[in-house]
Amino acid sequence: MPAKSDPLAAWRKHVQKFRSENPGLDLKTALTMAKETYHKSEKKAVVAKAPKAAKSGHCKCGGTCGKC
Protein backbone atom coordinates (compact mmCIF):
# COMPACT_ATOMS: atom_id res chain seq x y z
CA MET A 1 0.00 0.00 0.00
CA PRO A 2 1.59 3.32 -1.06
CA ALA A 3 2.17 5.99 1.54
CA LYS A 4 -0.38 8.79 1.56
CA SER A 5 0.91 12.20 0.66
CA ASP A 6 0.81 14.84 3.36
CA PRO A 7 -1.76 17.50 2.38
CA LEU A 8 -0.04 20.04 4.66
CA ALA A 9 3.50 19.47 3.39
CA ALA A 10 3.46 22.53 1.13
CA TRP A 11 2.15 24.73 3.97
CA ARG A 12 4.79 23.44 6.38
CA LYS A 13 7.51 24.08 3.81
CA HIS A 14 6.22 27.62 3.27
CA VAL A 15 6.15 28.32 7.01
CA GLN A 16 9.65 26.94 7.43
CA LYS A 17 10.95 29.19 4.64
CA PHE A 18 9.06 32.20 6.03
CA ARG A 19 10.47 31.67 9.53
CA SER A 20 14.02 31.33 8.18
CA GLU A 21 13.58 34.66 6.36
CA ASN A 22 12.12 36.30 9.51
CA PRO A 23 14.03 34.82 12.48
CA GLY A 24 12.87 37.36 15.08
CA LEU A 25 9.18 36.42 14.91
CA ASP A 26 7.46 34.11 17.34
CA LEU A 27 5.54 31.16 15.88
CA LYS A 28 2.06 32.67 16.21
CA THR A 29 3.02 35.89 14.45
CA ALA A 30 4.95 34.00 11.78
CA LEU A 31 1.95 31.76 11.04
CA THR A 32 -0.36 34.76 10.76
CA MET A 33 1.99 36.60 8.42
CA ALA A 34 2.84 33.50 6.36
CA LYS A 35 -0.87 32.97 5.71
CA GLU A 36 -0.95 36.23 3.73
CA THR A 37 1.80 35.12 1.34
CA TYR A 38 0.78 31.47 0.91
CA HIS A 39 -0.93 30.35 -2.28
CA LYS A 40 -2.17 26.81 -2.68
CA SER A 41 -0.51 24.67 -5.29
CA GLU A 42 -1.58 25.20 -8.88
CA LYS A 43 -1.70 21.41 -9.34
CA LYS A 44 -5.34 21.18 -8.36
CA ALA A 45 -7.72 22.36 -11.02
CA VAL A 46 -9.83 25.28 -9.95
CA VAL A 47 -13.42 24.72 -10.94
CA ALA A 48 -15.30 27.94 -11.49
CA LYS A 49 -18.88 27.91 -10.37
CA ALA A 50 -21.44 28.53 -13.07
CA PRO A 51 -23.43 31.70 -12.53
CA LYS A 52 -26.90 31.17 -11.16
CA ALA A 53 -29.71 31.53 -13.62
CA ALA A 54 -31.77 34.65 -13.17
CA LYS A 55 -35.10 34.00 -11.54
CA SER A 56 -38.03 34.63 -13.76
CA GLY A 57 -41.40 35.26 -12.27
CA HIS A 58 -44.01 37.81 -11.57
CA CYS A 59 -42.95 39.00 -8.12
CA LYS A 60 -40.92 42.08 -7.29
CA CYS A 61 -38.25 39.87 -5.76
CA GLY A 62 -37.83 38.01 -9.06
CA GLY A 63 -39.16 34.77 -7.66
CA THR A 64 -42.48 33.05 -8.08
CA CYS A 65 -43.77 33.37 -4.51
CA GLY A 66 -46.62 35.72 -5.45
CA LYS A 67 -46.37 37.56 -2.12
CA CYS A 68 -44.47 40.62 -3.32
C-alpha atoms as a PDB file:
ATOM      1  CA  MET A   1       0.000   0.000   0.000  1.00  0.00           C
ATOM      2  CA  PRO A   2       1.590   3.317  -1.060  1.00  0.00           C
ATOM      3  CA  ALA A   3       2.171   5.986   1.541  1.00  0.00           C
ATOM      4  CA  LYS A   4      -0.375   8.785   1.565  1.00  0.00           C
ATOM      5  CA  SER A   5       0.914  12.204   0.659  1.00  0.00           C
ATOM      6  CA  ASP A   6       0.809  14.837   3.362  1.00  0.00           C
ATOM      7  CA  PRO A   7      -1.756  17.498   2.384  1.00  0.00           C
ATOM      8  CA  LEU A   8      -0.041  20.043   4.662  1.00  0.00           C
ATOM      9  CA  ALA A   9       3.497  19.466   3.386  1.00  0.00           C
ATOM     10  CA  ALA A  10       3.465  22.533   1.127  1.00  0.00           C
ATOM     11  CA  TRP A  11       2.153  24.727   3.968  1.00  0.00           C
ATOM     12  CA  ARG A  12       4.795  23.445   6.380  1.00  0.00           C
ATOM     13  CA  LYS A  13       7.515  24.076   3.808  1.00  0.00           C
ATOM     14  CA  HIS A  14       6.217  27.618   3.265  1.00  0.00           C
ATOM     15  CA  VAL A  15       6.146  28.323   7.012  1.00  0.00           C
ATOM     16  CA  GLN A  16       9.652  26.937   7.430  1.00  0.00           C
ATOM     17  CA  LYS A  17      10.945  29.192   4.636  1.00  0.00           C
ATOM     18  CA  PHE A  18       9.056  32.202   6.031  1.00  0.00           C
ATOM     19  CA  ARG A  19      10.474  31.671   9.525  1.00  0.00           C
ATOM     20  CA  SER A  20      14.018  31.329   8.181  1.00  0.00           C
ATOM     21  CA  GLU A  21      13.582  34.661   6.363  1.00  0.00           C
ATOM     22  CA  ASN A  22      12.116  36.300   9.514  1.00  0.00           C
ATOM     23  CA  PRO A  23      14.033  34.824  12.478  1.00  0.00           C
ATOM     24  CA  GLY A  24      12.870  37.357  15.078  1.00  0.00           C
ATOM     25  CA  LEU A  25       9.180  36.423  14.909  1.00  0.00           C
ATOM     26  CA  ASP A  26       7.460  34.109  17.337  1.00  0.00           C
ATOM     27  CA  LEU A  27       5.541  31.157  15.879  1.00  0.00           C
ATOM     28  CA  LYS A  28       2.058  32.669  16.213  1.00  0.00           C
ATOM     29  CA  THR A  29       3.021  35.894  14.447  1.00  0.00           C
ATOM     30  CA  ALA A  30       4.946  33.997  11.777  1.00  0.00           C
ATOM     31  CA  LEU A  31       1.947  31.758  11.039  1.00  0.00           C
ATOM     32  CA  THR A  32      -0.358  34.762  10.758  1.00  0.00           C
ATOM     33  CA  MET A  33       1.988  36.605   8.420  1.00  0.00           C
ATOM     34  CA  ALA A  34       2.839  33.503   6.358  1.00  0.00           C
ATOM     35  CA  LYS A  35      -0.868  32.973   5.710  1.00  0.00           C
ATOM     36  CA  GLU A  36      -0.952  36.232   3.735  1.00  0.00           C
ATOM     37  CA  THR A  37       1.797  35.118   1.341  1.00  0.00           C
ATOM     38  CA  TYR A  38       0.784  31.470   0.906  1.00  0.00           C
ATOM     39  CA  HIS A  39      -0.925  30.355  -2.279  1.00  0.00           C
ATOM     40  CA  LYS A  40      -2.171  26.813  -2.676  1.00  0.00           C
ATOM     41  CA  SER A  41      -0.512  24.669  -5.294  1.00  0.00           C
ATOM     42  CA  GLU A  42      -1.580  25.196  -8.878  1.00  0.00           C
ATOM     43  CA  LYS A  43      -1.702  21.411  -9.341  1.00  0.00           C
ATOM     44  CA  LYS A  44      -5.342  21.183  -8.359  1.00  0.00           C
ATOM     45  CA  ALA A  45      -7.725  22.358 -11.024  1.00  0.00           C
ATOM     46  CA  VAL A  46      -9.825  25.280  -9.952  1.00  0.00           C
ATOM     47  CA  VAL A  47     -13.416  24.723 -10.940  1.00  0.00           C
ATOM     48  CA  ALA A  48     -15.303  27.942 -11.486  1.00  0.00           C
ATOM     49  CA  LYS A  49     -18.885  27.914 -10.372  1.00  0.00           C
ATOM     50  CA  ALA A  50     -21.438  28.528 -13.073  1.00  0.00           C
ATOM     51  CA  PRO A  51     -23.432  31.703 -12.532  1.00  0.00           C
ATOM     52  CA  LYS A  52     -26.897  31.169 -11.159  1.00  0.00           C
ATOM     53  CA  ALA A  53     -29.705  31.525 -13.622  1.00  0.00           C
ATOM     54  CA  ALA A  54     -31.774  34.646 -13.169  1.00  0.00           C
ATOM     55  CA  LYS A  55     -35.104  34.000 -11.545  1.00  0.00           C
ATOM     56  CA  SER A  56     -38.026  34.628 -13.762  1.00  0.00           C
ATOM     57  CA  GLY A  57     -41.400  35.257 -12.275  1.00  0.00           C
ATOM     58  CA  HIS A  58     -44.013  37.810 -11.567  1.00  0.00           C
ATOM     59  CA  CYS A  59     -42.947  39.002  -8.120  1.00  0.00           C
ATOM     60  CA  LYS A  60     -40.923  42.084  -7.294  1.00  0.00           C
ATOM     61  CA  CYS A  61     -38.245  39.871  -5.763  1.00  0.00           C
ATOM     62  CA  GLY A  62     -37.825  38.014  -9.062  1.00  0.00           C
ATOM     63  CA  GLY A  63     -39.161  34.768  -7.662  1.00  0.00           C
ATOM     64  CA  THR A  64     -42.479  33.047  -8.079  1.00  0.00           C
ATOM     65  CA  CYS A  65     -43.775  33.366  -4.513  1.00  0.00           C
ATOM     66  CA  GLY A  66     -46.618  35.716  -5.450  1.00  0.00           C
ATOM     67  CA  LYS A  67     -46.369  37.555  -2.122  1.00  0.00           C
ATOM     68  CA  CYS A  68     -44.470  40.616  -3.320  1.00  0.00           C
END
